[in-house]
Amino acid sequence: MAHPNKEKVVTTEESSRPGYPTPVAAAAYLSKSRSWLDKKARSGEIPFYRIGKSVLFKFSDLDAYVEQHRVDPNVPAAHEASGRKRGRNGKFSAQGQHGQKCDGEVAT
């Protein structure tokens, strides 16, 4: 017998309907992990609803989050527009303020 507090894993087909999915269903809908969704909800990036002890999401909010992160293939990425190139170590290098070469991570 299943544990009464264990949430049912929901497939994408089951979760792609209007309504308020649980965190497990919302994560499945986005093809992400539950912990990833928890971080995004806690940071305020993805809105959620709390009813008693239940946490629910709205499919339209999940869709809006995805749309906000759409990448236009005709617009170069920020590092490409700046002329910075990725070196062998995987980091971008650029000319420093006084002409010296400096290596660093990409700021996100």
C-alpha atoms as a PDB file:
ATOM      1  CA  MET A   1       0.000   0.000   0.000  1.00  0.00           C
ATOM      2  CA  ALA A   2       1.272   3.452  -0.911  1.00  0.00           C
ATOM      3  CA  HIS A   3       2.205   5.918   1.795  1.00  0.00           C
ATOM      4  CA  PRO A   4      -0.741   8.345   2.288  1.00  0.00           C
ATOM      5  CA  ASN A   5       1.480  11.467   2.075  1.00  0.00           C
ATOM      6  CA  LYS A   6       3.369  10.326  -1.029  1.00  0.00           C
ATOM      7  CA  GLU A   7       2.419  12.360  -4.093  1.00  0.00           C
ATOM      8  CA  LYS A   8       1.524  10.594  -7.320  1.00  0.00           C
ATOM      9  CA  VAL A   9       3.957  11.209 -10.194  1.00  0.00           C
ATOM     10  CA  VAL A  10       1.981  12.767 -13.015  1.00  0.00           C
ATOM     11  CA  THR A  11       2.902  12.457 -16.669  1.00  0.00           C
ATOM     12  CA  THR A  12       3.068  15.499 -18.947  1.00  0.00           C
ATOM     13  CA  GLU A  13      -0.138  14.440 -20.712  1.00  0.00           C
ATOM     14  CA  GLU A  14      -2.028  14.336 -17.407  1.00  0.00           C
ATOM     15  CA  SER A  15      -0.647  17.690 -16.276  1.00  0.00           C
ATOM     16  CA  SER A  16      -1.172  19.680 -19.499  1.00  0.00           C
ATOM     17  CA  ARG A  17      -4.717  20.674 -18.641  1.00  0.00           C
ATOM     18  CA  PRO A  18      -6.088  23.858 -17.061  1.00  0.00           C
ATOM     19  CA  GLY A  19      -5.939  23.812 -13.303  1.00  0.00           C
ATOM     20  CA  TYR A  20      -3.610  23.902 -10.345  1.00  0.00           C
ATOM     21  CA  PRO A  21      -0.897  21.211 -10.380  1.00  0.00           C
ATOM     22  CA  THR A  22       0.992  20.074  -7.303  1.00  0.00           C
ATOM     23  CA  PRO A  23       4.751  20.685  -7.154  1.00  0.00           C
ATOM     24  CA  VAL A  24       5.401  17.171  -8.525  1.00  0.00           C
ATOM     25  CA  ALA A  25       3.016  17.692 -11.450  1.00  0.00           C
ATOM     26  CA  ALA A  26       4.342  21.220 -12.114  1.00  0.00           C
ATOM     27  CA  ALA A  27       7.939  19.954 -12.174  1.00  0.00           C
ATOM     28  CA  ALA A  28       6.943  17.154 -14.560  1.00  0.00           C
ATOM     29  CA  TYR A  29       5.135  19.669 -16.783  1.00  0.00           C
ATOM     30  CA  LEU A  30       8.359  21.704 -17.054  1.00  0.00           C
ATOM     31  CA  SER A  31      10.558  18.580 -17.359  1.00  0.00           C
ATOM     32  CA  LYS A  32      12.533  19.756 -14.315  1.00  0.00           C
ATOM     33  CA  SER A  33      13.213  18.328 -10.875  1.00  0.00           C
ATOM     34  CA  ARG A  34      11.090  19.044  -7.844  1.00  0.00           C
ATOM     35  CA  SER A  35      14.076  20.707  -6.101  1.00  0.00           C
ATOM     36  CA  TRP A  36      14.631  23.027  -9.099  1.00  0.00           C
ATOM     37  CA  LEU A  37      10.976  24.082  -8.971  1.00  0.00           C
ATOM     38  CA  ASP A  38      11.174  24.610  -5.189  1.00  0.00           C
ATOM     39  CA  LYS A  39      14.162  26.956  -5.645  1.00  0.00           C
ATOM     40  CA  LYS A  40      12.392  28.945  -8.368  1.00  0.00           C
ATOM     41  CA  ALA A  41       9.239  29.233  -6.244  1.00  0.00           C
ATOM     42  CA  ARG A  42      11.164  30.294  -3.100  1.00  0.00           C
ATOM     43  CA  SER A  43      13.084  32.930  -5.074  1.00  0.00           C
ATOM     44  CA  GLY A  44       9.833  34.350  -6.462  1.00  0.00           C
ATOM     45  CA  GLU A  45      10.644  33.495 -10.082  1.00  0.00           C
ATOM     46  CA  ILE A  46       7.636  31.186 -10.364  1.00  0.00           C
ATOM     47  CA  PRO A  47       4.472  32.169  -8.473  1.00  0.00           C
ATOM     48  CA  PHE A  48       2.696  29.588  -6.348  1.00  0.00           C
ATOM     49  CA  TYR A  49      -0.391  29.342  -4.179  1.00  0.00           C
ATOM     50  CA  ARG A  50      -0.591  28.026  -0.642  1.00  0.00           C
ATOM     51  CA  ILE A  51      -3.897  26.654   0.571  1.00  0.00           C
ATOM     52  CA  GLY A  52      -3.431  25.303   4.063  1.00  0.00           C
ATOM     53  CA  LYS A  53      -0.405  23.033   3.824  1.00  0.00           C
ATOM     54  CA  SER A  54      -0.872  22.441   0.107  1.00  0.00           C
ATOM     55  CA  VAL A  55       1.301  24.212  -2.459  1.00  0.00           C
ATOM     56  CA  LEU A  56      -0.178  24.606  -5.910  1.00  0.00           C
ATOM     57  CA  PHE A  57       0.917  26.177  -9.172  1.00  0.00           C
ATOM     58  CA  LYS A  58      -1.031  27.498 -12.132  1.00  0.00           C
ATOM     59  CA  PHE A  59      -0.283  26.170 -15.610  1.00  0.00           C
ATOM     60  CA  SER A  60      -0.534  29.676 -17.076  1.00  0.00           C
ATOM     61  CA  ASP A  61       2.162  30.867 -14.606  1.00  0.00           C
ATOM     62  CA  LEU A  62       4.416  27.960 -15.617  1.00  0.00           C
ATOM     63  CA  ASP A  63       3.848  28.737 -19.297  1.00  0.00           C
ATOM     64  CA  ALA A  64       4.622  32.426 -18.669  1.00  0.00           C
ATOM     65  CA  TYR A  65       7.922  31.482 -16.980  1.00  0.00           C
ATOM     66  CA  VAL A  66       8.920  29.405 -20.005  1.00  0.00           C
ATOM     67  CA  GLU A  67       7.966  32.215 -22.403  1.00  0.00           C
ATOM     68  CA  GLN A  68      10.117  34.686 -20.434  1.00  0.00           C
ATOM     69  CA  HIS A  69      13.116  32.446 -21.125  1.00  0.00           C
ATOM     70  CA  ARG A  70      12.563  32.073 -24.847  1.00  0.00           C
ATOM     71  CA  VAL A  71      15.765  32.486 -26.839  1.00  0.00           C
ATOM     72  CA  ASP A  72      15.539  34.258 -30.187  1.00  0.00           C
ATOM     73  CA  PRO A  73      17.965  32.504 -32.562  1.00  0.00           C
ATOM     74  CA  ASN A  74      18.427  35.748 -34.533  1.00  0.00           C
ATOM     75  CA  VAL A  75      19.784  37.677 -31.539  1.00  0.00           C
ATOM     76  CA  PRO A  76      23.379  36.880 -30.555  1.00  0.00           C
ATOM     77  CA  ALA A  77      24.053  35.930 -26.953  1.00  0.00           C
ATOM     78  CA  ALA A  78      25.490  38.687 -24.741  1.00  0.00           C
ATOM     79  CA  HIS A  79      29.022  37.247 -24.833  1.00  0.00           C
ATOM     80  CA  GLU A  80      28.910  36.988 -28.634  1.00  0.00           C
ATOM     81  CA  ALA A  81      27.779  40.612 -29.016  1.00  0.00           C
ATOM     82  CA  SER A  82      30.614  41.801 -26.760  1.00  0.00           C
ATOM     83  CA  GLY A  83      33.257  40.077 -28.877  1.00  0.00           C
ATOM     84  CA  ARG A  84      34.441  37.928 -25.979  1.00  0.00           C
ATOM     85  CA  LYS A  85      35.707  34.475 -26.848  1.00  0.00           C
ATOM     86  CA  ARG A  86      35.717  31.297 -24.793  1.00  0.00           C
ATOM     87  CA  GLY A  87      39.216  29.936 -24.132  1.00  0.00           C
ATOM     88  CA  ARG A  88      40.441  26.346 -23.736  1.00  0.00           C
ATOM     89  CA  ASN A  89      39.546  26.417 -20.051  1.00  0.00           C
ATOM     90  CA  GLY A  90      35.897  27.156 -20.878  1.00  0.00           C
ATOM     91  CA  LYS A  91      36.047  30.684 -19.489  1.00  0.00           C
ATOM     92  CA  PHE A  92      35.610  33.885 -21.431  1.00  0.00           C
ATOM     93  CA  SER A  93      38.638  36.113 -21.795  1.00  0.00           C
ATOM     94  CA  ALA A  94      38.569  39.796 -22.611  1.00  0.00           C
ATOM     95  CA  GLN A  95      40.839  42.794 -22.543  1.00  0.00           C
ATOM     96  CA  GLY A  96      41.021  44.421 -19.136  1.00  0.00           C
ATOM     97  CA  GLN A  97      40.703  48.115 -18.396  1.00  0.00           C
ATOM     98  CA  HIS A  98      44.387  48.855 -19.155  1.00  0.00           C
ATOM     99  CA  GLY A  99      44.843  46.476 -22.067  1.00  0.00           C
ATOM    100  CA  GLN A 100      45.870  43.449 -19.997  1.00  0.00           C
ATOM    101  CA  LYS A 101      44.229  40.120 -20.672  1.00  0.00           C
ATOM    102  CA  CYS A 102      41.906  38.884 -17.931  1.00  0.00           C
ATOM    103  CA  ASP A 103      40.030  35.607 -17.564  1.00  0.00           C
ATOM    104  CA  GLY A 104      36.746  35.232 -15.741  1.00  0.00           C
ATOM    105  CA  GLU A 105      33.402  33.556 -15.523  1.00  0.00           C
ATOM    106  CA  VAL A 106      30.363  34.929 -17.261  1.00  0.00           C
ATOM    107  CA  ALA A 107      28.213  36.896 -14.838  1.00  0.00           C
ATOM    108  CA  THR A 108      24.636  35.650 -14.833  1.00  0.00           C
END
